[in-house]
């Protein structure tokens, strides 16, 4: 996975956009379903592998950890 910010945006947004390999979107969706308390998951562009996660402020960094690992 790539292009994941190291800190939350300054506008207090809790949205995280990430680019993943398109063939890994389903696996990431299942993973995020296992971590229901972290963030809501959405697919922005399945061909390009762009996903969006809506995290609570208190789960932002934990959500990033899941994405990075």
Protein backbone atom coordinates (compact mmCIF):
# COMPACT_ATOMS: atom_id res chain seq x y z
CA UNK A 1 0.00 0.00 0.00
CA UNK A 2 1.21 3.49 -0.64
CA UNK A 3 0.57 7.17 -0.20
CA UNK A 4 -0.64 6.84 3.40
CA UNK A 5 -0.18 10.06 5.40
CA UNK A 6 1.84 9.95 8.61
CA UNK A 7 -0.51 12.26 10.50
CA UNK A 8 -4.16 13.31 10.27
CA UNK A 9 -4.99 16.16 7.91
CA UNK A 10 -5.07 19.54 9.59
CA UNK A 11 -8.71 20.15 8.59
CA UNK A 12 -9.85 17.57 11.19
CA UNK A 13 -10.96 15.26 8.42
CA UNK A 14 -11.09 11.63 9.36
CA UNK A 15 -11.14 10.34 5.80
CA UNK A 16 -8.23 8.22 4.62
CA UNK A 17 -7.66 7.56 0.93
CA UNK A 18 -5.29 4.77 -0.04
CA UNK A 19 -4.15 3.18 -3.27
CA UNK A 20 -3.88 -0.59 -3.17
CA UNK A 21 -3.48 -3.25 -5.81
CA UNK A 22 -6.95 -3.76 -7.29
CA UNK A 23 -6.76 -7.50 -6.62
CA UNK A 24 -6.25 -6.75 -2.89
CA UNK A 25 -9.40 -4.63 -2.44
CA UNK A 26 -11.59 -7.58 -1.41
CA UNK A 27 -9.02 -8.80 1.10
CA UNK A 28 -8.74 -5.30 2.60
CA UNK A 29 -12.53 -5.03 2.77
CA UNK A 30 -12.72 -8.32 4.70
CA UNK A 31 -9.92 -7.19 6.99
CA UNK A 32 -11.66 -3.90 7.78
CA UNK A 33 -14.89 -5.79 8.48
CA UNK A 34 -12.96 -7.68 11.18
CA UNK A 35 -12.00 -4.31 12.68
CA UNK A 36 -15.49 -2.80 12.66
CA UNK A 37 -14.63 -0.34 15.41
CA UNK A 38 -11.89 1.33 13.32
CA UNK A 39 -13.37 2.75 10.15
CA UNK A 40 -16.00 2.47 7.46
CA UNK A 41 -14.67 1.15 4.16
CA UNK A 42 -15.57 2.31 0.67
CA UNK A 43 -14.27 1.65 -2.82
CA UNK A 44 -13.74 4.83 -4.82
CA UNK A 45 -12.26 3.30 -8.00
CA UNK A 46 -11.89 -0.48 -8.16
CA UNK A 47 -9.86 -0.46 -11.38
CA UNK A 48 -7.31 2.01 -9.97
CA UNK A 49 -7.34 0.47 -6.47
CA UNK A 50 -8.48 3.66 -4.70
CA UNK A 51 -10.23 3.05 -1.38
CA UNK A 52 -11.59 5.39 1.27
CA UNK A 53 -11.79 4.78 4.98
CA UNK A 54 -13.79 6.98 7.32
CA UNK A 55 -12.13 6.70 10.72
CA UNK A 56 -13.01 8.24 14.03
CA UNK A 57 -10.43 10.71 15.28
CA UNK A 58 -9.48 8.34 18.10
CA UNK A 59 -8.97 5.39 15.71
CA UNK A 60 -7.16 7.26 12.91
CA UNK A 61 -3.65 6.00 13.69
CA UNK A 62 -4.81 2.47 14.45
CA UNK A 63 -6.54 2.43 11.05
CA UNK A 64 -3.29 3.55 9.42
CA UNK A 65 -1.47 0.73 11.19
CA UNK A 66 -3.88 -1.81 9.73
CA UNK A 67 -3.37 -0.34 6.25
CA UNK A 68 0.39 -0.36 6.52
CA UNK A 69 0.55 -3.96 7.73
